[in-house]
Amino acid sequence: VQLQASGGGLVQAGGSLRLSCSPSGRTFSIYDMGWFRQAPGKEREFVATVGVGQSSSPLYAGSVKGRFSISRDNAKNTVYLQMNFLKPEDTAVYYCAVDRNPRTSRLRAMSAGGYDYWGQGTQVTVSS
């Protein structure tokens, strides 16, 4: 299974980008679909995730709440991350990830260890 992420690029502060990610290859049930990011010299951090069914409520990191919006198209198994009002501190490699198991807690859904498959990452650079 491979996750294909796209949509990264270079944008000025205050601009917008939309990332998308979908799995290829063998299909399976997918629950949480999330985004994480890693800036140079920093650890990977949670950005946003969205589940399905009763555990579908989107979760956001405090640093992006109100600026980023996550959504998914279940028919296409695709997750999107709309990023508005981008700041230089949003510069990072953005990774999508999926969890094959139902969400058991918000904390797990916001942790990298809660995901089974990861994409290759897409670079987002925000210039000041």
C-alpha atoms as a PDB file:
ATOM      1  CA  VAL A   1       0.000   0.000   0.000  1.00  0.00           C
ATOM      2  CA  GLN A   2       1.305   3.426  -0.910  1.00  0.00           C
ATOM      3  CA  LEU A   3      -0.049   6.807  -0.001  1.00  0.00           C
ATOM      4  CA  GLN A   4       0.317   9.446  -2.675  1.00  0.00           C
ATOM      5  CA  ALA A   5       0.460  12.995  -1.331  1.00  0.00           C
ATOM      6  CA  SER A   6       0.436  16.044  -3.557  1.00  0.00           C
ATOM      7  CA  GLY A   7      -0.228  19.752  -3.519  1.00  0.00           C
ATOM      8  CA  GLY A   8       2.829  21.107  -1.759  1.00  0.00           C
ATOM      9  CA  GLY A   9       4.812  24.040  -3.044  1.00  0.00           C
ATOM     10  CA  LEU A  10       6.120  27.518  -2.389  1.00  0.00           C
ATOM     11  CA  VAL A  11       3.720  30.226  -1.296  1.00  0.00           C
ATOM     12  CA  GLN A  12       3.952  33.637   0.277  1.00  0.00           C
ATOM     13  CA  ALA A  13       2.800  34.252   3.808  1.00  0.00           C
ATOM     14  CA  GLY A  14      -0.951  34.720   3.898  1.00  0.00           C
ATOM     15  CA  GLY A  15      -1.455  32.460   0.916  1.00  0.00           C
ATOM     16  CA  SER A  16      -3.171  29.114   0.581  1.00  0.00           C
ATOM     17  CA  LEU A  17      -2.385  25.583  -0.497  1.00  0.00           C
ATOM     18  CA  ARG A  18      -4.427  22.425  -0.713  1.00  0.00           C
ATOM     19  CA  LEU A  19      -2.859  19.059  -0.057  1.00  0.00           C
ATOM     20  CA  SER A  20      -4.409  15.780  -1.058  1.00  0.00           C
ATOM     21  CA  CYS A  21      -3.547  12.174  -0.325  1.00  0.00           C
ATOM     22  CA  SER A  22      -4.959   8.837  -1.390  1.00  0.00           C
ATOM     23  CA  PRO A  23      -3.810   5.228  -1.141  1.00  0.00           C
ATOM     24  CA  SER A  24      -2.867   3.134  -4.131  1.00  0.00           C
ATOM     25  CA  GLY A  25      -2.563  -0.570  -4.482  1.00  0.00           C
ATOM     26  CA  ARG A  26      -4.454  -2.975  -2.270  1.00  0.00           C
ATOM     27  CA  THR A  27      -7.549  -1.370  -0.746  1.00  0.00           C
ATOM     28  CA  PHE A  28      -8.764  -1.900   2.782  1.00  0.00           C
ATOM     29  CA  SER A  29     -10.898  -0.253   5.422  1.00  0.00           C
ATOM     30  CA  ILE A  30      -9.543   3.102   6.461  1.00  0.00           C
ATOM     31  CA  TYR A  31     -10.542   4.986   9.557  1.00  0.00           C
ATOM     32  CA  ASP A  32      -8.618   8.064  10.588  1.00  0.00           C
ATOM     33  CA  MET A  33      -6.823   9.882   7.775  1.00  0.00           C
ATOM     34  CA  GLY A  34      -4.428  12.456   9.089  1.00  0.00           C
ATOM     35  CA  TRP A  35      -1.663  14.891   8.354  1.00  0.00           C
ATOM     36  CA  PHE A  36       1.568  15.399  10.229  1.00  0.00           C
ATOM     37  CA  ARG A  37       4.474  17.691   9.470  1.00  0.00           C
ATOM     38  CA  GLN A  38       8.166  17.870  10.190  1.00  0.00           C
ATOM     39  CA  ALA A  39      10.265  20.996   9.982  1.00  0.00           C
ATOM     40  CA  PRO A  40      14.071  20.864   9.734  1.00  0.00           C
ATOM     41  CA  GLY A  41      15.607  20.039  13.078  1.00  0.00           C
ATOM     42  CA  LYS A  42      12.236  19.359  14.698  1.00  0.00           C
ATOM     43  CA  GLU A  43      10.231  16.291  15.513  1.00  0.00           C
ATOM     44  CA  ARG A  44       7.238  15.233  13.486  1.00  0.00           C
ATOM     45  CA  GLU A  45       4.082  16.857  14.819  1.00  0.00           C
ATOM     46  CA  PHE A  46       0.390  16.323  14.438  1.00  0.00           C
ATOM     47  CA  VAL A  47      -1.532  18.720  12.197  1.00  0.00           C
ATOM     48  CA  ALA A  48      -5.051  17.370  11.662  1.00  0.00           C
ATOM     49  CA  THR A  49      -7.044  14.192  11.283  1.00  0.00           C
ATOM     50  CA  VAL A  50     -10.555  13.116  10.354  1.00  0.00           C
ATOM     51  CA  GLY A  51     -12.266   9.807  11.048  1.00  0.00           C
ATOM     52  CA  VAL A  52     -15.416   8.065   9.899  1.00  0.00           C
ATOM     53  CA  GLY A  53     -18.792   7.327  11.409  1.00  0.00           C
ATOM     54  CA  GLN A  54     -19.282   8.105  15.052  1.00  0.00           C
ATOM     55  CA  SER A  55     -15.610   9.005  15.407  1.00  0.00           C
ATOM     56  CA  SER A  56     -15.480  11.290  12.431  1.00  0.00           C
ATOM     57  CA  SER A  57     -14.979  14.622  14.131  1.00  0.00           C
ATOM     58  CA  PRO A  58     -11.940  16.451  12.779  1.00  0.00           C
ATOM     59  CA  LEU A  59      -9.140  17.163  15.200  1.00  0.00           C
ATOM     60  CA  TYR A  60      -6.623  19.956  14.792  1.00  0.00           C
ATOM     61  CA  ALA A  61      -3.407  21.058  16.368  1.00  0.00           C
ATOM     62  CA  GLY A  62      -3.814  24.331  18.173  1.00  0.00           C
ATOM     63  CA  SER A  63      -1.301  26.022  15.886  1.00  0.00           C
ATOM     64  CA  VAL A  64      -3.442  25.447  12.790  1.00  0.00           C
ATOM     65  CA  LYS A  65      -6.975  25.609  14.172  1.00  0.00           C
ATOM     66  CA  GLY A  66      -9.012  28.212  12.360  1.00  0.00           C
ATOM     67  CA  ARG A  67      -6.588  28.317   9.416  1.00  0.00           C
ATOM     68  CA  PHE A  68      -6.498  24.722   8.188  1.00  0.00           C
ATOM     69  CA  SER A  69      -9.441  22.528   7.279  1.00  0.00           C
ATOM     70  CA  ILE A  70      -9.344  18.772   6.782  1.00  0.00           C
ATOM     71  CA  SER A  71     -11.894  16.821   4.773  1.00  0.00           C
ATOM     72  CA  ARG A  72     -12.207  13.469   3.062  1.00  0.00           C
ATOM     73  CA  ASP A  73     -13.936  11.853   0.138  1.00  0.00           C
ATOM     74  CA  ASN A  74     -14.744   8.344   1.278  1.00  0.00           C
ATOM     75  CA  ALA A  75     -15.663   7.173  -2.208  1.00  0.00           C
ATOM     76  CA  LYS A  76     -12.145   8.024  -3.350  1.00  0.00           C
ATOM     77  CA  ASN A  77     -10.402   7.263  -0.047  1.00  0.00           C
ATOM     78  CA  THR A  78      -8.863  10.692  -0.377  1.00  0.00           C
ATOM     79  CA  VAL A  79      -8.077  13.167   2.361  1.00  0.00           C
ATOM     80  CA  TYR A  80      -7.572  16.876   1.779  1.00  0.00           C
ATOM     81  CA  LEU A  81      -5.916  19.570   3.839  1.00  0.00           C
ATOM     82  CA  GLN A  82      -6.915  23.110   2.933  1.00  0.00           C
ATOM     83  CA  MET A  83      -4.322  25.468   4.355  1.00  0.00           C
ATOM     84  CA  ASN A  84      -5.196  29.166   4.511  1.00  0.00           C
ATOM     85  CA  PHE A  85      -3.403  32.161   5.986  1.00  0.00           C
ATOM     86  CA  LEU A  86      -0.137  30.299   5.817  1.00  0.00           C
ATOM     87  CA  LYS A  87       2.740  31.463   7.980  1.00  0.00           C
ATOM     88  CA  PRO A  88       6.500  30.931   7.604  1.00  0.00           C
ATOM     89  CA  GLU A  89       6.358  28.632  10.627  1.00  0.00           C
ATOM     90  CA  ASP A  90       4.107  26.293   8.644  1.00  0.00           C
ATOM     91  CA  THR A  91       7.110  25.445   6.465  1.00  0.00           C
ATOM     92  CA  ALA A  92       7.711  21.707   6.710  1.00  0.00           C
ATOM     93  CA  VAL A  93       7.407  18.402   4.958  1.00  0.00           C
ATOM     94  CA  TYR A  94       3.802  17.308   5.285  1.00  0.00           C
ATOM     95  CA  TYR A  95       3.002  13.625   5.617  1.00  0.00           C
ATOM     96  CA  CYS A  96      -0.351  11.931   5.277  1.00  0.00           C
ATOM     97  CA  ALA A  97      -1.143   8.829   7.265  1.00  0.00           C
ATOM     98  CA  VAL A  98      -3.998   6.377   7.647  1.00  0.00           C
ATOM     99  CA  ASP A  99      -5.197   4.164  10.463  1.00  0.00           C
ATOM    100  CA  ARG A 100      -6.734   0.798   9.638  1.00  0.00           C
ATOM    101  CA  ASN A 101      -8.426   0.591  13.011  1.00  0.00           C
ATOM    102  CA  PRO A 102     -11.366   2.546  14.435  1.00  0.00           C
ATOM    103  CA  ARG A 103     -10.492   5.555  16.545  1.00  0.00           C
ATOM    104  CA  THR A 104     -10.208   4.599  20.212  1.00  0.00           C
ATOM    105  CA  SER A 105      -9.247   7.959  21.623  1.00  0.00           C
ATOM    106  CA  ARG A 106      -8.555  11.498  20.553  1.00  0.00           C
ATOM    107  CA  LEU A 107      -5.069  11.241  21.967  1.00  0.00           C
ATOM    108  CA  ARG A 108      -4.256   8.213  19.830  1.00  0.00           C
ATOM    109  CA  ALA A 109      -5.689   9.899  16.736  1.00  0.00           C
ATOM    110  CA  MET A 110      -3.311  12.809  17.325  1.00  0.00           C
ATOM    111  CA  SER A 111      -0.266  10.597  17.786  1.00  0.00           C
ATOM    112  CA  ALA A 112       2.004   9.356  15.010  1.00  0.00           C
ATOM    113  CA  GLY A 113       2.061   5.928  16.631  1.00  0.00           C
ATOM    114  CA  GLY A 114      -1.647   5.539  15.975  1.00  0.00           C
ATOM    115  CA  TYR A 115      -1.211   5.254  12.205  1.00  0.00           C
ATOM    116  CA  ASP A 116      -0.356   2.254  10.099  1.00  0.00           C
ATOM    117  CA  TYR A 117       0.648   3.663   6.722  1.00  0.00           C
ATOM    118  CA  TRP A 118       2.476   6.828   5.741  1.00  0.00           C
ATOM    119  CA  GLY A 119       2.957   8.799   2.562  1.00  0.00           C
ATOM    120  CA  GLN A 120       6.286   9.993   1.236  1.00  0.00           C
ATOM    121  CA  GLY A 121       5.764  13.610   2.231  1.00  0.00           C
ATOM    122  CA  THR A 122       5.255  16.792   0.294  1.00  0.00           C
ATOM    123  CA  GLN A 123       7.216  19.985   0.889  1.00  0.00           C
ATOM    124  CA  VAL A 124       5.405  23.155   1.891  1.00  0.00           C
ATOM    125  CA  THR A 125       7.476  26.324   1.992  1.00  0.00           C
ATOM    126  CA  VAL A 126       6.019  29.631   3.129  1.00  0.00           C
ATOM    127  CA  SER A 127       8.086  32.708   2.445  1.00  0.00           C
ATOM    128  CA  SER A 128       7.827  35.849   4.537  1.00  0.00           C
END
